[in-house]
Amino acid sequence: MTKLQFTYKTLLAGLLICLCQSTYAQTGNKFIRKGNELYKNKKYTDAEANYKKALEVNQQSVEGRYNLGNSLYEQKRYDDARAQYANSFKMAPTREGKADASYNIGNTYMEGKKWEESIKAYKEALKQNPTDEQARYNLAYAQAMLKKQQGGGGDNKDKKDKNQQNKDQQNKDQQNKDQQNKNKQDENKNKNDENKDKDKNKNKEQQDEKPEPQQSKLNKQEAERLLQALGQEENKLQDKMKKAKGQAVPVDKDW
């Protein structure tokens, strides 16, 4: 009898526990659904509060922890978000759930430019889900950024050397250009000097070729006779002009 009663009480206690767990689960899911609605409307602080209420009811809620991490991530609280993703990774019952949590862990490290940590997280995500192309892309990006960071000094040195080479080449080109201009100026000067000498020689030749005024071959007596003859001709011309001027001019009468 006692055994039967004990059996009955044990069964009743088990039923009560299941009922309580079901009630707690429903309450927790209610908070999660409310949090999801607020998250969708970008009310991340209110969503965080509801996810935390869901976890107060059920600490083992993988969905509640993962979504709480998302709400913290959107608030740029990356360290807090990473802690929730890590718990979600541990509790996730599926490889896909672990891959999603690890992918988001990589994103939190990416925001802080912690390339090595993000690479490790993305590799874990691909280990859990090899078909995750987003994780593959982010892994390649993080690897490229890490390589750039490690080789930054060399790149800067190469860039500095290249700039110096360009500067030296520019100076050299300018010097060559200045020299060419100087040579051209000297050439023009020599050419002008040659033209001046040529013009000077030409003027001299022209002056040499110009005939000198010949001295008169007339003696003094011949010159006097010539002047006297010219004077007589001039007197004859004046007399002729006077006579012509004194002659009457016939006029036709109009009557």
C-alpha atoms as a PDB file:
ATOM      1  CA  MET A   1       0.000   0.000   0.000  1.00  0.00           C
ATOM      2  CA  THR A   2       2.687   2.348   0.955  1.00  0.00           C
ATOM      3  CA  LYS A   3       4.557   1.409  -2.193  1.00  0.00           C
ATOM      4  CA  LEU A   4       1.504   2.103  -4.296  1.00  0.00           C
ATOM      5  CA  GLN A   5       0.903   5.388  -2.611  1.00  0.00           C
ATOM      6  CA  PHE A   6       4.540   6.232  -3.101  1.00  0.00           C
ATOM      7  CA  THR A   7       4.230   5.386  -6.753  1.00  0.00           C
ATOM      8  CA  TYR A   8       1.152   7.546  -7.146  1.00  0.00           C
ATOM      9  CA  LYS A   9       2.754  10.519  -5.414  1.00  0.00           C
ATOM     10  CA  THR A  10       5.880  10.174  -7.543  1.00  0.00           C
ATOM     11  CA  LEU A  11       3.816  10.169 -10.737  1.00  0.00           C
ATOM     12  CA  LEU A  12       1.856  13.201  -9.589  1.00  0.00           C
ATOM     13  CA  ALA A  13       5.056  15.101  -8.801  1.00  0.00           C
ATOM     14  CA  GLY A  14       6.413  14.295 -12.250  1.00  0.00           C
ATOM     15  CA  LEU A  15       3.266  15.595 -13.912  1.00  0.00           C
ATOM     16  CA  LEU A  16       3.453  18.801 -11.900  1.00  0.00           C
ATOM     17  CA  ILE A  17       7.087  19.346 -12.923  1.00  0.00           C
ATOM     18  CA  CYS A  18       6.260  18.862 -16.607  1.00  0.00           C
ATOM     19  CA  LEU A  19       3.338  21.242 -16.304  1.00  0.00           C
ATOM     20  CA  CYS A  20       5.492  23.888 -14.659  1.00  0.00           C
ATOM     21  CA  GLN A  21       8.211  23.491 -17.276  1.00  0.00           C
ATOM     22  CA  SER A  22       5.629  23.831 -20.031  1.00  0.00           C
ATOM     23  CA  THR A  23       4.267  26.981 -18.427  1.00  0.00           C
ATOM     24  CA  TYR A  24       7.737  28.427 -18.037  1.00  0.00           C
ATOM     25  CA  ALA A  25       8.530  27.583 -21.654  1.00  0.00           C
ATOM     26  CA  GLN A  26       5.408  29.292 -22.872  1.00  0.00           C
ATOM     27  CA  THR A  27       6.181  32.367 -20.797  1.00  0.00           C
ATOM     28  CA  GLY A  28       9.759  32.448 -22.082  1.00  0.00           C
ATOM     29  CA  ASN A  29       8.625  32.054 -25.677  1.00  0.00           C
ATOM     30  CA  LYS A  30       6.188  34.901 -25.165  1.00  0.00           C
ATOM     31  CA  PHE A  31       9.037  37.232 -24.180  1.00  0.00           C
ATOM     32  CA  ILE A  32      11.134  36.002 -27.100  1.00  0.00           C
ATOM     33  CA  ARG A  33       8.324  36.675 -29.573  1.00  0.00           C
ATOM     34  CA  LYS A  34       7.856  40.139 -28.123  1.00  0.00           C
ATOM     35  CA  GLY A  35      11.611  40.760 -28.316  1.00  0.00           C
ATOM     36  CA  ASN A  36      11.683  39.611 -31.946  1.00  0.00           C
ATOM     37  CA  GLU A  37       8.917  42.048 -32.823  1.00  0.00           C
ATOM     38  CA  LEU A  38      10.755  44.935 -31.166  1.00  0.00           C
ATOM     39  CA  TYR A  39      14.033  43.899 -32.823  1.00  0.00           C
ATOM     40  CA  LYS A  40      12.345  43.906 -36.216  1.00  0.00           C
ATOM     41  CA  ASN A  41      11.218  47.494 -35.574  1.00  0.00           C
ATOM     42  CA  LYS A  42      14.812  48.401 -34.614  1.00  0.00           C
ATOM     43  CA  LYS A  43      13.907  48.966 -30.957  1.00  0.00           C
ATOM     44  CA  TYR A  44      16.987  47.122 -29.806  1.00  0.00           C
ATOM     45  CA  THR A  45      17.002  48.274 -26.164  1.00  0.00           C
ATOM     46  CA  ASP A  46      13.412  47.108 -25.613  1.00  0.00           C
ATOM     47  CA  ALA A  47      14.162  43.872 -27.425  1.00  0.00           C
ATOM     48  CA  GLU A  48      17.138  43.295 -25.106  1.00  0.00           C
ATOM     49  CA  ALA A  49      14.882  43.697 -22.051  1.00  0.00           C
ATOM     50  CA  ASN A  50      12.435  41.066 -23.326  1.00  0.00           C
ATOM     51  CA  TYR A  51      15.156  38.570 -24.216  1.00  0.00           C
ATOM     52  CA  LYS A  52      16.576  38.928 -20.712  1.00  0.00           C
ATOM     53  CA  LYS A  53      13.120  38.246 -19.247  1.00  0.00           C
ATOM     54  CA  ALA A  54      12.931  35.117 -21.367  1.00  0.00           C
ATOM     55  CA  LEU A  55      16.278  33.960 -19.980  1.00  0.00           C
ATOM     56  CA  GLU A  56      15.144  34.617 -16.415  1.00  0.00           C
ATOM     57  CA  VAL A  57      12.414  32.098 -17.074  1.00  0.00           C
ATOM     58  CA  ASN A  58      14.608  29.651 -18.990  1.00  0.00           C
ATOM     59  CA  GLN A  59      18.381  29.938 -18.724  1.00  0.00           C
ATOM     60  CA  GLN A  60      18.841  27.166 -21.280  1.00  0.00           C
ATOM     61  CA  SER A  61      17.041  28.997 -24.100  1.00  0.00           C
ATOM     62  CA  VAL A  62      19.473  28.942 -27.036  1.00  0.00           C
ATOM     63  CA  GLU A  63      17.220  31.190 -29.079  1.00  0.00           C
ATOM     64  CA  GLY A  64      16.936  33.700 -26.221  1.00  0.00           C
ATOM     65  CA  ARG A  65      20.731  33.957 -25.836  1.00  0.00           C
ATOM     66  CA  TYR A  66      21.389  34.165 -29.565  1.00  0.00           C
ATOM     67  CA  ASN A  67      18.786  36.892 -30.074  1.00  0.00           C
ATOM     68  CA  LEU A  68      20.014  38.775 -27.017  1.00  0.00           C
ATOM     69  CA  GLY A  69      23.444  38.783 -28.630  1.00  0.00           C
ATOM     70  CA  ASN A  70      21.919  40.246 -31.805  1.00  0.00           C
ATOM     71  CA  SER A  71      20.216  43.070 -29.903  1.00  0.00           C
ATOM     72  CA  LEU A  72      23.477  43.908 -28.119  1.00  0.00           C
ATOM     73  CA  TYR A  73      25.395  43.799 -31.425  1.00  0.00           C
ATOM     74  CA  GLU A  74      23.045  46.359 -32.976  1.00  0.00           C
ATOM     75  CA  GLN A  75      23.753  48.623 -30.000  1.00  0.00           C
ATOM     76  CA  LYS A  76      27.477  48.281 -30.793  1.00  0.00           C
ATOM     77  CA  ARG A  77      28.099  46.508 -27.486  1.00  0.00           C
ATOM     78  CA  TYR A  78      30.300  43.958 -29.186  1.00  0.00           C
ATOM     79  CA  ASP A  79      31.964  42.428 -26.121  1.00  0.00           C
ATOM     80  CA  ASP A  80      28.596  41.758 -24.448  1.00  0.00           C
ATOM     81  CA  ALA A  81      27.200  40.379 -27.696  1.00  0.00           C
ATOM     82  CA  ARG A  82      30.193  38.050 -28.098  1.00  0.00           C
ATOM     83  CA  ALA A  83      29.598  36.572 -24.632  1.00  0.00           C
ATOM     84  CA  GLN A  84      25.997  35.694 -25.546  1.00  0.00           C
ATOM     85  CA  TYR A  85      27.043  34.180 -28.883  1.00  0.00           C
ATOM     86  CA  ALA A  86      29.640  32.060 -27.075  1.00  0.00           C
ATOM     87  CA  ASN A  87      26.963  30.696 -24.713  1.00  0.00           C
ATOM     88  CA  SER A  88      24.685  30.086 -27.682  1.00  0.00           C
ATOM     89  CA  PHE A  89      27.487  28.163 -29.429  1.00  0.00           C
ATOM     90  CA  LYS A  90      27.950  25.892 -26.408  1.00  0.00           C
ATOM     91  CA  MET A  91      24.241  25.171 -25.999  1.00  0.00           C
ATOM     92  CA  ALA A  92      23.248  24.918 -29.680  1.00  0.00           C
ATOM     93  CA  PRO A  93      21.978  21.375 -30.413  1.00  0.00           C
ATOM     94  CA  THR A  94      22.761  21.576 -34.167  1.00  0.00           C
ATOM     95  CA  ARG A  95      25.868  22.257 -36.244  1.00  0.00           C
ATOM     96  CA  GLU A  96      23.987  24.982 -38.105  1.00  0.00           C
ATOM     97  CA  GLY A  97      23.236  26.765 -34.824  1.00  0.00           C
ATOM     98  CA  LYS A  98      26.889  26.551 -33.805  1.00  0.00           C
ATOM     99  CA  ALA A  99      27.947  27.878 -37.229  1.00  0.00           C
ATOM    100  CA  ASP A 100      25.658  30.912 -36.923  1.00  0.00           C
ATOM    101  CA  ALA A 101      26.922  31.708 -33.427  1.00  0.00           C
ATOM    102  CA  SER A 102      30.560  31.387 -34.505  1.00  0.00           C
ATOM    103  CA  TYR A 103      29.931  33.557 -37.575  1.00  0.00           C
ATOM    104  CA  ASN A 104      28.533  36.333 -35.382  1.00  0.00           C
ATOM    105  CA  ILE A 105      31.478  36.001 -33.009  1.00  0.00           C
ATOM    106  CA  GLY A 106      33.707  36.663 -36.024  1.00  0.00           C
ATOM    107  CA  ASN A 107      31.672  39.760 -36.827  1.00  0.00           C
ATOM    108  CA  THR A 108      32.183  41.191 -33.326  1.00  0.00           C
ATOM    109  CA  TYR A 109      35.939  40.777 -33.711  1.00  0.00           C
ATOM    110  CA  MET A 110      35.766  42.280 -37.200  1.00  0.00           C
ATOM    111  CA  GLU A 111      34.183  45.444 -35.805  1.00  0.00           C
ATOM    112  CA  GLY A 112      37.207  45.868 -33.536  1.00  0.00           C
ATOM    113  CA  LYS A 113      39.636  45.092 -36.386  1.00  0.00           C
ATOM    114  CA  LYS A 114      40.879  42.056 -34.479  1.00  0.00           C
ATOM    115  CA  TRP A 115      41.668  40.153 -37.636  1.00  0.00           C
ATOM    116  CA  GLU A 116      43.339  37.088 -36.146  1.00  0.00           C
ATOM    117  CA  GLU A 117      40.417  36.421 -33.763  1.00  0.00           C
ATOM    118  CA  SER A 118      37.852  36.950 -36.494  1.00  0.00           C
ATOM    119  CA  ILE A 119      39.734  34.545 -38.796  1.00  0.00           C
ATOM    120  CA  LYS A 120      39.615  31.867 -36.114  1.00  0.00           C
ATOM    121  CA  ALA A 121      35.855  32.381 -35.615  1.00  0.00           C
ATOM    122  CA  TYR A 122      35.063  32.237 -39.346  1.00  0.00           C
ATOM    123  CA  LYS A 123      37.114  29.067 -39.721  1.00  0.00           C
ATOM    124  CA  GLU A 124      35.071  27.506 -36.919  1.00  0.00           C
ATOM    125  CA  ALA A 125      31.873  28.593 -38.665  1.00  0.00           C
ATOM    126  CA  LEU A 126      33.019  26.919 -41.882  1.00  0.00           C
ATOM    127  CA  LYS A 127      34.007  23.821 -39.933  1.00  0.00           C
ATOM    128  CA  GLN A 128      30.454  23.561 -38.624  1.00  0.00           C
ATOM    129  CA  ASN A 129      28.882  24.542 -41.967  1.00  0.00           C
ATOM    130  CA  PRO A 130      31.242  24.305 -44.996  1.00  0.00           C
ATOM    131  CA  THR A 131      28.533  25.707 -47.321  1.00  0.00           C
ATOM    132  CA  ASP A 132      28.349  29.091 -45.547  1.00  0.00           C
ATOM    133  CA  GLU A 133      29.493  31.449 -48.322  1.00  0.00           C
ATOM    134  CA  GLN A 134      29.153  34.550 -46.139  1.00  0.00           C
ATOM    135  CA  ALA A 135      31.593  33.077 -43.632  1.00  0.00           C
ATOM    136  CA  ARG A 136      33.948  32.194 -46.494  1.00  0.00           C
ATOM    137  CA  TYR A 137      33.810  35.743 -47.838  1.00  0.00           C
ATOM    138  CA  ASN A 138      34.389  37.315 -44.422  1.00  0.00           C
ATOM    139  CA  LEU A 139      37.270  34.923 -43.780  1.00  0.00           C
ATOM    140  CA  ALA A 140      38.986  36.001 -47.007  1.00  0.00           C
ATOM    141  CA  TYR A 141      38.436  39.670 -46.159  1.00  0.00           C
ATOM    142  CA  ALA A 142      39.864  39.283 -42.647  1.00  0.00           C
ATOM    143  CA  GLN A 143      42.900  37.417 -44.016  1.00  0.00           C
ATOM    144  CA  ALA A 144      43.525  40.179 -46.549  1.00  0.00           C
ATOM    145  CA  MET A 145      43.272  42.867 -43.871  1.00  0.00           C
ATOM    146  CA  LEU A 146      45.641  40.975 -41.586  1.00  0.00           C
ATOM    147  CA  LYS A 147      48.171  40.644 -44.401  1.00  0.00           C
ATOM    148  CA  LYS A 148      47.903  44.335 -45.125  1.00  0.00           C
ATOM    149  CA  GLN A 149      48.345  45.172 -41.452  1.00  0.00           C
ATOM    150  CA  GLN A 150      51.426  42.975 -41.111  1.00  0.00           C
ATOM    151  CA  GLY A 151      52.985  44.307 -44.287  1.00  0.00           C
ATOM    152  CA  GLY A 152      51.987  47.919 -43.648  1.00  0.00           C
ATOM    153  CA  GLY A 153      55.520  49.035 -42.792  1.00  0.00           C
ATOM    154  CA  GLY A 154      56.930  47.589 -45.996  1.00  0.00           C
ATOM    155  CA  ASP A 155      54.157  49.115 -48.058  1.00  0.00           C
ATOM    156  CA  ASN A 156      54.790  52.495 -46.513  1.00  0.00           C
ATOM    157  CA  LYS A 157      58.509  52.168 -47.148  1.00  0.00           C
ATOM    158  CA  ASP A 158      57.946  51.170 -50.760  1.00  0.00           C
ATOM    159  CA  LYS A 159      55.538  54.050 -51.165  1.00  0.00           C
ATOM    160  CA  LYS A 160      58.046  56.459 -49.623  1.00  0.00           C
ATOM    161  CA  ASP A 161      60.838  55.164 -51.841  1.00  0.00           C
ATOM    162  CA  LYS A 162      58.619  55.453 -54.879  1.00  0.00           C
ATOM    163  CA  ASN A 163      57.706  59.022 -53.976  1.00  0.00           C
ATOM    164  CA  GLN A 164      61.397  59.861 -53.546  1.00  0.00           C
ATOM    165  CA  GLN A 165      62.204  58.310 -56.912  1.00  0.00           C
ATOM    166  CA  ASN A 166      59.448  60.326 -58.532  1.00  0.00           C
ATOM    167  CA  LYS A 167      60.745  63.472 -56.859  1.00  0.00           C
ATOM    168  CA  ASP A 168      64.327  62.779 -57.996  1.00  0.00           C
ATOM    169  CA  GLN A 169      63.115  62.110 -61.524  1.00  0.00           C
ATOM    170  CA  GLN A 170      61.152  65.362 -61.538  1.00  0.00           C
ATOM    171  CA  ASN A 171      64.230  67.265 -60.364  1.00  0.00           C
ATOM    172  CA  LYS A 172      66.321  65.582 -63.029  1.00  0.00           C
ATOM    173  CA  ASP A 173      63.769  66.393 -65.715  1.00  0.00           C
ATOM    174  CA  GLN A 174      63.656  70.007 -64.548  1.00  0.00           C
ATOM    175  CA  GLN A 175      67.457  70.262 -64.664  1.00  0.00           C
ATOM    176  CA  ASN A 176      67.491  68.838 -68.188  1.00  0.00           C
ATOM    177  CA  LYS A 177      64.788  71.261 -69.203  1.00  0.00           C
ATOM    178  CA  ASP A 178      66.700  74.197 -67.714  1.00  0.00           C
ATOM    179  CA  GLN A 179      69.862  73.092 -69.501  1.00  0.00           C
ATOM    180  CA  GLN A 180      68.002  72.785 -72.789  1.00  0.00           C
ATOM    181  CA  ASN A 181      66.581  76.283 -72.347  1.00  0.00           C
ATOM    182  CA  LYS A 182      70.053  77.638 -71.560  1.00  0.00           C
ATOM    183  CA  ASN A 183      71.513  75.931 -74.608  1.00  0.00           C
ATOM    184  CA  LYS A 184      68.731  77.327 -76.740  1.00  0.00           C
ATOM    185  CA  GLN A 185      69.311  80.822 -75.370  1.00  0.00           C
ATOM    186  CA  ASP A 186      73.044  80.522 -76.050  1.00  0.00           C
ATOM    187  CA  GLU A 187      72.295  79.296 -79.547  1.00  0.00           C
ATOM    188  CA  ASN A 188      69.947  82.205 -80.209  1.00  0.00           C
ATOM    189  CA  LYS A 189      72.533  84.625 -78.840  1.00  0.00           C
ATOM    190  CA  ASN A 190      75.239  83.230 -81.089  1.00  0.00           C
ATOM    191  CA  LYS A 191      72.865  83.381 -84.015  1.00  0.00           C
ATOM    192  CA  ASN A 192      72.034  87.013 -83.259  1.00  0.00           C
ATOM    193  CA  ASP A 193      75.727  87.838 -82.969  1.00  0.00           C
ATOM    194  CA  GLU A 194      76.362  86.170 -86.294  1.00  0.00           C
ATOM    195  CA  ASN A 195      73.509  88.137 -87.879  1.00  0.00           C
ATOM    196  CA  LYS A 196      74.894  91.362 -86.418  1.00  0.00           C
ATOM    197  CA  ASP A 197      78.373  90.626 -87.774  1.00  0.00           C
ATOM    198  CA  LYS A 198      76.865  89.722 -91.113  1.00  0.00           C
ATOM    199  CA  ASP A 199      74.849  92.948 -91.264  1.00  0.00           C
ATOM    200  CA  LYS A 200      77.912  94.921 -90.232  1.00  0.00           C
ATOM    201  CA  ASN A 201      79.992  93.327 -92.959  1.00  0.00           C
ATOM    202  CA  LYS A 202      77.234  93.903 -95.483  1.00  0.00           C
ATOM    203  CA  ASN A 203      76.970  97.594 -94.581  1.00  0.00           C
ATOM    204  CA  LYS A 204      80.703  97.887 -94.870  1.00  0.00           C
ATOM    205  CA  GLU A 205      80.643  96.271 -98.299  1.00  0.00           C
ATOM    206  CA  GLN A 206      77.861  98.602 -99.412  1.00  0.00           C
ATOM    207  CA  GLN A 207      79.829 101.568 -98.208  1.00  0.00           C
ATOM    208  CA  ASP A 208      82.894 100.293-100.047  1.00  0.00           C
ATOM    209  CA  GLU A 209      80.857  99.876-103.225  1.00  0.00           C
ATOM    210  CA  LYS A 210      79.358 103.415-103.073  1.00  0.00           C
ATOM    211  CA  PRO A 211      81.062 105.622-105.729  1.00  0.00           C
ATOM    212  CA  GLU A 212      83.019 108.523-104.393  1.00  0.00           C
ATOM    213  CA  PRO A 213      82.134 112.016-105.769  1.00  0.00           C
ATOM    214  CA  GLN A 214      84.391 112.777-108.694  1.00  0.00           C
ATOM    215  CA  GLN A 215      86.247 116.020-108.699  1.00  0.00           C
ATOM    216  CA  SER A 216      85.359 118.484-111.449  1.00  0.00           C
ATOM    217  CA  LYS A 217      87.744 118.435-114.401  1.00  0.00           C
ATOM    218  CA  LEU A 218      86.852 122.066-115.375  1.00  0.00           C
ATOM    219  CA  ASN A 219      89.405 124.705-114.607  1.00  0.00           C
ATOM    220  CA  LYS A 220      88.552 128.126-113.312  1.00  0.00           C
ATOM    221  CA  GLN A 221      88.359 129.866-116.722  1.00  0.00           C
ATOM    222  CA  GLU A 222      86.125 127.212-118.231  1.00  0.00           C
ATOM    223  CA  ALA A 223      83.814 127.412-115.251  1.00  0.00           C
ATOM    224  CA  GLU A 224      83.514 131.171-115.602  1.00  0.00           C
ATOM    225  CA  ARG A 225      82.683 130.874-119.313  1.00  0.00           C
ATOM    226  CA  LEU A 226      80.012 128.286-118.559  1.00  0.00           C
ATOM    227  CA  LEU A 227      78.423 130.482-115.940  1.00  0.00           C
ATOM    228  CA  GLN A 228      78.502 133.453-118.344  1.00  0.00           C
ATOM    229  CA  ALA A 229      76.849 131.442-121.098  1.00  0.00           C
ATOM    230  CA  LEU A 230      74.162 130.261-118.717  1.00  0.00           C
ATOM    231  CA  GLY A 231      73.578 133.867-117.704  1.00  0.00           C
ATOM    232  CA  GLN A 232      73.129 134.952-121.326  1.00  0.00           C
ATOM    233  CA  GLU A 233      70.672 132.144-122.026  1.00  0.00           C
ATOM    234  CA  GLU A 234      68.690 133.133-118.919  1.00  0.00           C
ATOM    235  CA  ASN A 235      68.519 136.802-120.168  1.00  0.00           C
ATOM    236  CA  LYS A 236      67.279 135.674-123.561  1.00  0.00           C
ATOM    237  CA  LEU A 237      64.615 133.548-121.946  1.00  0.00           C
ATOM    238  CA  GLN A 238      63.430 136.426-119.731  1.00  0.00           C
ATOM    239  CA  ASP A 239      63.250 138.822-122.805  1.00  0.00           C
ATOM    240  CA  LYS A 240      61.253 136.241-124.703  1.00  0.00           C
ATOM    241  CA  MET A 241      58.826 135.864-121.836  1.00  0.00           C
ATOM    242  CA  LYS A 242      58.379 139.668-121.590  1.00  0.00           C
ATOM    243  CA  LYS A 243      57.617 140.005-125.293  1.00  0.00           C
ATOM    244  CA  ALA A 244      55.076 137.253-125.203  1.00  0.00           C
ATOM    245  CA  LYS A 245      53.426 138.844-122.228  1.00  0.00           C
ATOM    246  CA  GLY A 246      53.103 142.273-124.023  1.00  0.00           C
ATOM    247  CA  GLN A 247      51.452 140.998-127.236  1.00  0.00           C
ATOM    248  CA  ALA A 248      47.693 141.732-127.714  1.00  0.00           C
ATOM    249  CA  VAL A 249      45.349 138.789-127.524  1.00  0.00           C
ATOM    250  CA  PRO A 250      42.674 138.875-130.248  1.00  0.00           C
ATOM    251  CA  VAL A 251      39.074 138.673-128.872  1.00  0.00           C
ATOM    252  CA  ASP A 252      36.081 137.613-130.905  1.00  0.00           C
ATOM    253  CA  LYS A 253      33.281 140.185-130.715  1.00  0.00           C
ATOM    254  CA  ASP A 254      29.848 139.011-129.818  1.00  0.00           C
ATOM    255  CA  TRP A 255      28.068 141.722-131.688  1.00  0.00           C
END
